[in-house]
Amino acid sequence: MTDRLQQTLRRFDDYNAADPNAFEWEGHACPQELFLAQKLHEWVMKLAPQASEALILASRCQHIGRWEIARDSYPEGRVGYLTWRKALARHHAHIAQAIMKETGYAPEDCERVTAILMKQGIKQDPDVQVMENALCLVFLQYQYEAFHPAHKDKIVEILRKSLLKMDAAGHQQALTLPFSTVGMGYLKQAIAAVEAGR
């Protein structure tokens, strides 16, 4: 790993360390986006040990500064939600590009990282597919068990939509995670629904 890459990853982490929201895991609290970015990076490196430098960079800034644009600053409903998500993606890309330029990356490097962050070419671009798998796996490993009890009526459909973005390798990794009996049941239902729809 080059000095420039290490420096840029540290800059991403320093930015996310300012997240006022705490994420608690196994008795420890950490700024939420810092924790999730580091876990996303871990999953990307597990799924793609020879990951490109652009993918490594993207893995640590996928949601950089997420707390700076609140969901309630956009209207309720699906249209408002999707508009918010698009605004967030542009926000993440803007912050990442600014940091990368300061640490000496060329414009084409910044554009490549942005393409991954914006998920351009999912199902065609291997880097984007690894990122999508990793994002879903982070949710499943660290957030799903706390999430599903409050969404019993919709959880299988929510999982199905997430699983559709993943590939078969991502599904296999998901099934290795230590879920509760109830959580695993929902996941298996969602995987069955995906397979039935093919």
Protein backbone atom coordinates (compact mmCIF):
# COMPACT_ATOMS: atom_id res chain seq x y z
CA MET A 1 0.00 0.00 0.00
CA THR A 2 1.52 3.32 -1.08
CA ASP A 3 2.03 6.27 1.26
CA ARG A 4 -0.47 8.28 -0.79
CA LEU A 5 -3.13 5.58 -0.46
CA GLN A 6 -2.56 5.25 3.28
CA GLN A 7 -2.70 9.02 3.72
CA THR A 8 -5.96 9.25 1.77
CA LEU A 9 -7.59 6.45 3.74
CA ARG A 10 -6.58 8.21 6.96
CA ARG A 11 -8.13 11.44 5.66
CA PHE A 12 -11.37 9.61 4.91
CA ASP A 13 -11.36 8.10 8.40
CA ASP A 14 -10.63 11.46 10.00
CA TYR A 15 -13.61 12.96 8.19
CA ASN A 16 -15.94 10.16 9.24
CA ALA A 17 -14.66 10.35 12.83
CA ALA A 18 -16.61 13.64 13.09
CA ASP A 19 -19.95 11.77 12.77
CA PRO A 20 -21.96 12.76 15.86
CA ASN A 21 -23.94 9.51 15.70
CA ALA A 22 -22.51 6.59 17.64
CA PHE A 23 -22.64 2.96 16.54
CA GLU A 24 -22.47 0.42 19.34
CA TRP A 25 -21.02 -3.02 18.66
CA GLU A 26 -20.02 -5.62 21.23
CA GLY A 27 -19.97 -3.13 24.06
CA HIS A 28 -17.96 -0.46 22.26
CA ALA A 29 -19.16 2.81 20.72
CA CYS A 30 -17.64 4.41 17.63
CA PRO A 31 -18.66 7.24 15.25
CA GLN A 32 -21.17 5.44 13.04
CA GLU A 33 -19.82 6.21 9.57
CA LEU A 34 -16.25 5.55 10.69
CA PHE A 35 -17.23 2.10 11.99
CA LEU A 36 -19.28 1.21 8.91
CA ALA A 37 -16.61 2.46 6.47
CA GLN A 38 -13.94 0.36 8.13
CA LYS A 39 -16.20 -2.70 8.08
CA LEU A 40 -17.04 -2.09 4.43
CA HIS A 41 -13.32 -1.92 3.67
CA GLU A 42 -12.79 -5.23 5.50
CA TRP A 43 -15.52 -6.92 3.45
CA VAL A 44 -14.18 -5.55 0.16
CA MET A 45 -10.72 -6.88 0.96
CA LYS A 46 -12.18 -10.25 1.93
CA LEU A 47 -14.21 -10.49 -1.29
CA ALA A 48 -11.44 -9.08 -3.52
CA PRO A 49 -7.98 -9.53 -1.94
CA GLN A 50 -6.39 -8.08 -5.10
CA ALA A 51 -8.76 -5.10 -5.20
CA SER A 52 -7.81 -2.16 -7.40
CA GLU A 53 -6.65 1.03 -5.72
CA ALA A 54 -9.85 2.75 -6.83
CA LEU A 55 -11.99 0.08 -5.17
CA ILE A 56 -9.94 0.26 -1.97
CA LEU A 57 -10.41 4.02 -1.87
CA ALA A 58 -14.14 3.78 -2.61
CA SER A 59 -14.60 1.22 0.14
CA ARG A 60 -13.58 3.75 2.78
CA CYS A 61 -15.60 6.72 1.50
CA GLN A 62 -18.82 5.16 0.19
CA HIS A 63 -20.91 7.05 2.77
CA ILE A 64 -18.45 9.74 3.84
CA GLY A 65 -20.21 12.67 5.52
CA ARG A 66 -23.59 10.89 5.37
CA TRP A 67 -24.83 12.64 8.53
CA GLU A 68 -24.46 16.05 6.87
CA ILE A 69 -27.62 15.63 4.77
CA ALA A 70 -30.54 14.56 6.96
CA ARG A 71 -33.30 12.34 5.60
CA ASP A 72 -35.93 14.70 7.00
CA SER A 73 -34.57 17.50 4.83
CA TYR A 74 -36.39 15.80 1.93
CA PRO A 75 -40.10 14.93 1.59
CA GLU A 76 -41.48 11.68 2.97
CA GLY A 77 -42.26 8.82 0.59
CA ARG A 78 -40.34 6.92 -2.05
CA VAL A 79 -39.67 9.90 -4.35
CA GLY A 80 -38.29 11.94 -1.46
CA TYR A 81 -36.20 8.99 -0.33
CA LEU A 82 -34.69 8.41 -3.77
CA THR A 83 -33.98 12.13 -4.20
CA TRP A 84 -32.21 12.13 -0.83
CA ARG A 85 -30.14 9.08 -1.80
CA LYS A 86 -29.03 10.74 -5.05
CA ALA A 87 -28.08 13.90 -3.19
CA LEU A 88 -26.09 11.82 -0.71
CA ALA A 89 -24.23 10.00 -3.48
CA ARG A 90 -23.18 13.30 -5.04
CA HIS A 91 -22.18 14.58 -1.58
CA HIS A 92 -20.00 11.53 -0.91
CA ALA A 93 -18.35 11.83 -4.31
CA HIS A 94 -17.67 15.55 -3.85
CA ILE A 95 -15.97 15.05 -0.47
CA ALA A 96 -13.95 12.06 -1.71
CA GLN A 97 -12.79 13.88 -4.83
CA ALA A 98 -11.70 16.94 -2.83
CA ILE A 99 -9.61 14.81 -0.46
CA MET A 100 -8.13 12.75 -3.29
CA LYS A 101 -7.08 15.88 -5.20
CA GLU A 102 -5.41 17.22 -2.07
CA THR A 103 -3.42 13.99 -1.67
CA GLY A 104 -2.24 14.04 -5.28
CA TYR A 105 -4.59 11.81 -7.28
CA ALA A 106 -5.18 12.58 -10.94
CA PRO A 107 -8.65 13.57 -12.24
CA GLU A 108 -9.12 10.18 -13.91
CA ASP A 109 -8.48 8.45 -10.57
CA CYS A 110 -11.10 10.64 -8.92
CA GLU A 111 -13.55 9.87 -11.72
CA ARG A 112 -13.02 6.12 -11.34
CA VAL A 113 -13.68 6.24 -7.59
CA THR A 114 -16.78 8.35 -8.25
CA ALA A 115 -18.07 5.78 -10.75
CA ILE A 116 -17.82 3.09 -8.05
CA LEU A 117 -19.44 5.31 -5.41
CA MET A 118 -22.31 6.11 -7.78
CA LYS A 119 -22.63 2.39 -8.59
CA GLN A 120 -22.32 2.97 -12.31
CA GLY A 121 -22.32 -0.33 -14.18
CA ILE A 122 -23.62 -2.62 -11.46
CA LYS A 123 -23.78 -6.22 -12.74
CA GLN A 124 -21.25 -5.27 -15.46
CA ASP A 125 -18.38 -3.62 -13.57
CA PRO A 126 -16.64 -6.13 -11.25
CA ASP A 127 -15.51 -3.40 -8.82
CA VAL A 128 -19.04 -2.04 -8.48
CA GLN A 129 -20.39 -5.55 -7.93
CA VAL A 130 -17.87 -6.23 -5.17
CA MET A 131 -18.89 -2.94 -3.55
CA GLU A 132 -22.58 -3.83 -3.72
CA ASN A 133 -21.96 -7.26 -2.23
CA ALA A 134 -19.90 -5.70 0.57
CA LEU A 135 -22.50 -3.03 1.34
CA CYS A 136 -25.22 -5.64 1.72
CA LEU A 137 -22.98 -7.86 3.84
CA VAL A 138 -22.14 -4.99 6.20
CA PHE A 139 -25.85 -4.37 6.70
CA LEU A 140 -26.53 -8.06 7.29
CA GLN A 141 -23.64 -8.53 9.70
CA TYR A 142 -23.90 -5.37 11.77
CA GLN A 143 -27.40 -3.87 11.38
CA TYR A 144 -29.87 -6.51 10.25
CA GLU A 145 -30.59 -8.22 13.59
CA ALA A 146 -31.47 -4.90 15.23
CA PHE A 147 -33.49 -3.85 12.16
CA HIS A 148 -35.75 -6.79 11.33
CA PRO A 149 -37.87 -7.00 14.53
CA ALA A 150 -39.43 -3.60 13.76
CA HIS A 151 -40.07 -4.47 10.09
CA LYS A 152 -41.58 -7.95 10.26
CA ASP A 153 -44.19 -7.28 7.58
CA LYS A 154 -41.69 -5.94 5.03
CA ILE A 155 -38.37 -7.54 5.91
CA VAL A 156 -38.47 -10.37 3.36
CA GLU A 157 -39.19 -7.91 0.55
CA ILE A 158 -36.49 -5.53 1.80
CA LEU A 159 -34.00 -8.40 1.83
CA ARG A 160 -35.14 -9.61 -1.60
CA LYS A 161 -34.43 -6.19 -3.12
CA SER A 162 -30.98 -6.13 -1.51
CA LEU A 163 -30.20 -9.66 -2.63
CA LEU A 164 -31.11 -8.79 -6.22
CA LYS A 165 -28.22 -6.31 -6.21
CA MET A 166 -25.82 -9.04 -5.08
CA ASP A 167 -24.43 -11.96 -7.04
CA ALA A 168 -24.32 -15.66 -6.15
CA ALA A 169 -20.99 -15.25 -4.35
CA GLY A 170 -22.49 -12.53 -2.18
CA HIS A 171 -25.45 -14.76 -1.33
CA GLN A 172 -23.13 -17.54 -0.23
CA GLN A 173 -21.21 -15.17 2.03
CA ALA A 174 -24.48 -13.94 3.55
CA LEU A 175 -25.46 -17.47 4.53
CA THR A 176 -22.23 -17.89 6.52
CA LEU A 177 -23.08 -15.05 8.93
CA PRO A 178 -24.24 -15.89 12.48
CA PHE A 179 -27.90 -14.91 12.39
CA SER A 180 -30.60 -15.68 14.90
CA THR A 181 -33.01 -18.44 13.92
CA VAL A 182 -35.64 -15.84 13.02
CA GLY A 183 -33.15 -13.71 11.09
CA MET A 184 -31.88 -16.68 9.09
CA GLY A 185 -35.43 -17.69 8.33
CA TYR A 186 -36.23 -14.33 6.78
CA LEU A 187 -33.00 -14.42 4.77
CA LYS A 188 -33.70 -17.89 3.38
CA GLN A 189 -37.21 -16.81 2.40
CA ALA A 190 -35.77 -13.83 0.55
CA ILE A 191 -33.15 -15.93 -1.25
CA ALA A 192 -35.87 -18.40 -2.28
CA ALA A 193 -37.94 -15.50 -3.63
CA VAL A 194 -34.97 -14.25 -5.66
CA GLU A 195 -34.29 -17.69 -7.08
CA ALA A 196 -37.97 -18.24 -7.91
CA GLY A 197 -38.02 -14.98 -9.86
CA ARG A 198 -35.13 -15.93 -12.13
